[in-house]
PDB file of N, CA and C in Angstrom:
ATOM      1  N   MET A   1     -36.456  95.340  41.311  1.00  0.00           N
ATOM      2  CA  MET A   1     -35.019  95.198  41.587  1.00  0.00           C
ATOM      3  C   MET A   1     -34.767  95.202  43.090  1.00  0.00           C
ATOM      4  N   ALA A   2     -35.440  96.101  43.794  1.00  0.00           N
ATOM      5  CA  ALA A   2     -35.197  96.227  45.231  1.00  0.00           C
ATOM      6  C   ALA A   2     -36.021  95.224  46.035  1.00  0.00           C
ATOM      7  N   ALA A   3     -36.895  94.498  45.353  1.00  0.00           N
ATOM      8  CA  ALA A   3     -37.791  93.582  46.061  1.00  0.00           C
ATOM      9  C   ALA A   3     -37.053  92.516  46.887  1.00  0.00           C
ATOM     10  N   PRO A   4     -36.062  91.809  46.307  1.00  0.00           N
ATOM     11  CA  PRO A   4     -35.389  90.765  47.097  1.00  0.00           C
ATOM     12  C   PRO A   4     -34.632  91.314  48.301  1.00  0.00           C
ATOM     13  N   PHE A   5     -34.263  92.586  48.246  1.00  0.00           N
ATOM     14  CA  PHE A   5     -33.455  93.165  49.320  1.00  0.00           C
ATOM     15  C   PHE A   5     -34.308  93.962  50.302  1.00  0.00           C
ATOM     16  N   GLN A   6     -35.636  93.860  50.167  1.00  0.00           N
ATOM     17  CA  GLN A   6     -36.509  94.638  51.040  1.00  0.00           C
ATOM     18  C   GLN A   6     -36.339  94.205  52.490  1.00  0.00           C
ATOM     19  N   GLY A   7     -36.160  95.171  53.367  1.00  0.00           N
ATOM     20  CA  GLY A   7     -36.033  94.880  54.780  1.00  0.00           C
ATOM     21  C   GLY A   7     -34.661  94.364  55.169  1.00  0.00           C
ATOM     22  N   ARG A   8     -33.735  94.356  54.232  1.00  0.00           N
ATOM     23  CA  ARG A   8     -32.382  93.882  54.551  1.00  0.00           C
ATOM     24  C   ARG A   8     -31.437  95.053  54.699  1.00  0.00           C
ATOM     25  N   ASN A   9     -30.365  94.816  55.420  1.00  0.00           N
ATOM     26  CA  ASN A   9     -29.347  95.843  55.620  1.00  0.00           C
ATOM     27  C   ASN A   9     -28.596  96.049  54.305  1.00  0.00           C
ATOM     28  N   PRO A  10     -28.657  97.265  53.743  1.00  0.00           N
ATOM     29  CA  PRO A  10     -27.997  97.501  52.444  1.00  0.00           C
ATOM     30  C   PRO A  10     -26.503  97.225  52.486  1.00  0.00           C
ATOM     31  N   TRP A  11     -25.889  97.425  53.656  1.00  0.00           N
ATOM     32  CA  TRP A  11     -24.452  97.155  53.764  1.00  0.00           C
ATOM     33  C   TRP A  11     -24.180  95.659  53.655  1.00  0.00           C
ATOM     34  N   LYS A  12     -25.075  94.864  54.254  1.00  0.00           N
ATOM     35  CA  LYS A  12     -24.915  93.406  54.160  1.00  0.00           C
ATOM     36  C   LYS A  12     -25.108  92.947  52.726  1.00  0.00           C
ATOM     37  N   VAL A  13     -26.087  93.551  52.055  1.00  0.00           N
ATOM     38  CA  VAL A  13     -26.349  93.204  50.656  1.00  0.00           C
ATOM     39  C   VAL A  13     -25.138  93.544  49.802  1.00  0.00           C
ATOM     40  N   ALA A  14     -24.565  94.729  50.030  1.00  0.00           N
ATOM     41  CA  ALA A  14     -23.394  95.156  49.264  1.00  0.00           C
ATOM     42  C   ALA A  14     -22.225  94.205  49.519  1.00  0.00           C
ATOM     43  N   ALA A  15     -22.049  93.803  50.767  1.00  0.00           N
ATOM     44  CA  ALA A  15     -20.962  92.883  51.105  1.00  0.00           C
ATOM     45  C   ALA A  15     -21.170  91.537  50.414  1.00  0.00           C
ATOM     46  N   GLU A  16     -22.429  91.100  50.356  1.00  0.00           N
ATOM     47  CA  GLU A  16     -22.739  89.824  49.704  1.00  0.00           C
ATOM     48  C   GLU A  16     -22.415  89.882  48.219  1.00  0.00           C
ATOM     49  N   LEU A  17     -22.832  90.984  47.578  1.00  0.00           N
ATOM     50  CA  LEU A  17     -22.554  91.144  46.153  1.00  0.00           C
ATOM     51  C   LEU A  17     -21.054  91.189  45.906  1.00  0.00           C
ATOM     52  N   HIS A  18     -20.335  91.886  46.789  1.00  0.00           N
ATOM     53  CA  HIS A  18     -18.885  91.987  46.641  1.00  0.00           C
ATOM     54  C   HIS A  18     -18.239  90.608  46.756  1.00  0.00           C
ATOM     55  N   ARG A  19     -18.745  89.801  47.695  1.00  0.00           N
ATOM     56  CA  ARG A  19     -18.192  88.463  47.879  1.00  0.00           C
ATOM     57  C   ARG A  19     -18.446  87.605  46.640  1.00  0.00           C
ATOM     58  N   LEU A  20     -19.635  87.732  46.075  1.00  0.00           N
ATOM     59  CA  LEU A  20     -19.945  86.970  44.860  1.00  0.00           C
ATOM     60  C   LEU A  20     -19.028  87.382  43.721  1.00  0.00           C
ATOM     61  N   LEU A  21     -18.746  88.682  43.644  1.00  0.00           N
ATOM     62  CA  LEU A  21     -17.870  89.184  42.592  1.00  0.00           C
ATOM     63  C   LEU A  21     -16.474  88.595  42.754  1.00  0.00           C
ATOM     64  N   GLU A  22     -15.998  88.550  43.999  1.00  0.00           N
ATOM     65  CA  GLU A  22     -14.679  87.967  44.270  1.00  0.00           C
ATOM     66  C   GLU A  22     -14.649  86.502  43.823  1.00  0.00           C
ATOM     67  N   GLU A  23     -15.721  85.771  44.127  1.00  0.00           N
ATOM     68  CA  GLU A  23     -15.805  84.368  43.722  1.00  0.00           C
ATOM     69  C   GLU A  23     -15.716  84.238  42.205  1.00  0.00           C
ATOM     70  N   CYS A  24     -16.442  85.105  41.513  1.00  0.00           N
ATOM     71  CA  CYS A  24     -16.439  85.056  40.046  1.00  0.00           C
ATOM     72  C   CYS A  24     -15.041  85.304  39.502  1.00  0.00           C
ATOM     73  N   TYR A  25     -14.357  86.296  40.052  1.00  0.00           N
ATOM     74  CA  TYR A  25     -13.007  86.614  39.577  1.00  0.00           C
ATOM     75  C   TYR A  25     -12.059  85.450  39.837  1.00  0.00           C
ATOM     76  N   ARG A  26     -12.163  84.841  41.015  1.00  0.00           N
ATOM     77  CA  ARG A  26     -11.279  83.733  41.351  1.00  0.00           C
ATOM     78  C   ARG A  26     -11.533  82.565  40.406  1.00  0.00           C
ATOM     79  N   TRP A  27     -12.823  82.273  40.158  1.00  0.00           N
ATOM     80  CA  TRP A  27     -13.172  81.162  39.268  1.00  0.00           C
ATOM     81  C   TRP A  27     -12.656  81.432  37.864  1.00  0.00           C
ATOM     82  N   ARG A  28     -12.820  82.670  37.401  1.00  0.00           N
ATOM     83  CA  ARG A  28     -12.368  83.017  36.048  1.00  0.00           C
ATOM     84  C   ARG A  28     -10.848  82.907  35.948  1.00  0.00           C
ATOM     85  N   ASP A  29     -10.149  83.325  37.001  1.00  0.00           N
ATOM     86  CA  ASP A  29      -8.683  83.238  36.989  1.00  0.00           C
ATOM     87  C   ASP A  29      -8.235  81.782  36.923  1.00  0.00           C
ATOM     88  N   GLN A  30      -8.883  80.929  37.714  1.00  0.00           N
ATOM     89  CA  GLN A  30      -8.532  79.512  37.694  1.00  0.00           C
ATOM     90  C   GLN A  30      -8.802  78.916  36.318  1.00  0.00           C
ATOM     91  N   PHE A  31      -9.936  79.292  35.737  1.00  0.00           N
ATOM     92  CA  PHE A  31     -10.321  78.756  34.435  1.00  0.00           C
ATOM     93  C   PHE A  31      -9.323  79.182  33.364  1.00  0.00           C
ATOM     94  N   SER A  32      -8.997  80.463  33.332  1.00  0.00           N
ATOM     95  CA  SER A  32      -8.073  80.960  32.304  1.00  0.00           C
ATOM     96  C   SER A  32      -6.669  80.400  32.524  1.00  0.00           C
ATOM     97  N   ALA A  33      -6.325  80.122  33.781  1.00  0.00           N
ATOM     98  CA  ALA A  33      -5.003  79.570  34.067  1.00  0.00           C
ATOM     99  C   ALA A  33      -4.908  78.122  33.583  1.00  0.00           C
ATOM    100  N   SER A  34      -6.040  77.411  33.599  1.00  0.00           N
ATOM    101  CA  SER A  34      -6.022  76.009  33.175  1.00  0.00           C
ATOM    102  C   SER A  34      -6.162  75.876  31.660  1.00  0.00           C
ATOM    103  N   GLN A  35      -6.456  76.974  30.983  1.00  0.00           N
ATOM    104  CA  GLN A  35      -6.589  76.929  29.529  1.00  0.00           C
ATOM    105  C   GLN A  35      -5.210  76.867  28.867  1.00  0.00           C
ATOM    106  N   PRO A  36      -5.051  75.985  27.891  1.00  0.00           N
ATOM    107  CA  PRO A  36      -3.772  75.945  27.162  1.00  0.00           C
ATOM    108  C   PRO A  36      -3.602  77.186  26.293  1.00  0.00           C
ATOM    109  N   ARG A  37      -2.429  77.753  26.343  1.00  0.00           N
ATOM    110  CA  ARG A  37      -2.173  78.971  25.550  1.00  0.00           C
ATOM    111  C   ARG A  37      -2.079  78.630  24.071  1.00  0.00           C
TER     112      ARG A  37
END
């Protein structure tokens, strides 16, 4: 699990994961908004 992040700044890794999470939420919101009720 820690192999890909070896030698990297844990704060940068956390920020990257957080950014990916934001992207996922935005994409999901757009998708659900385009779905017909």
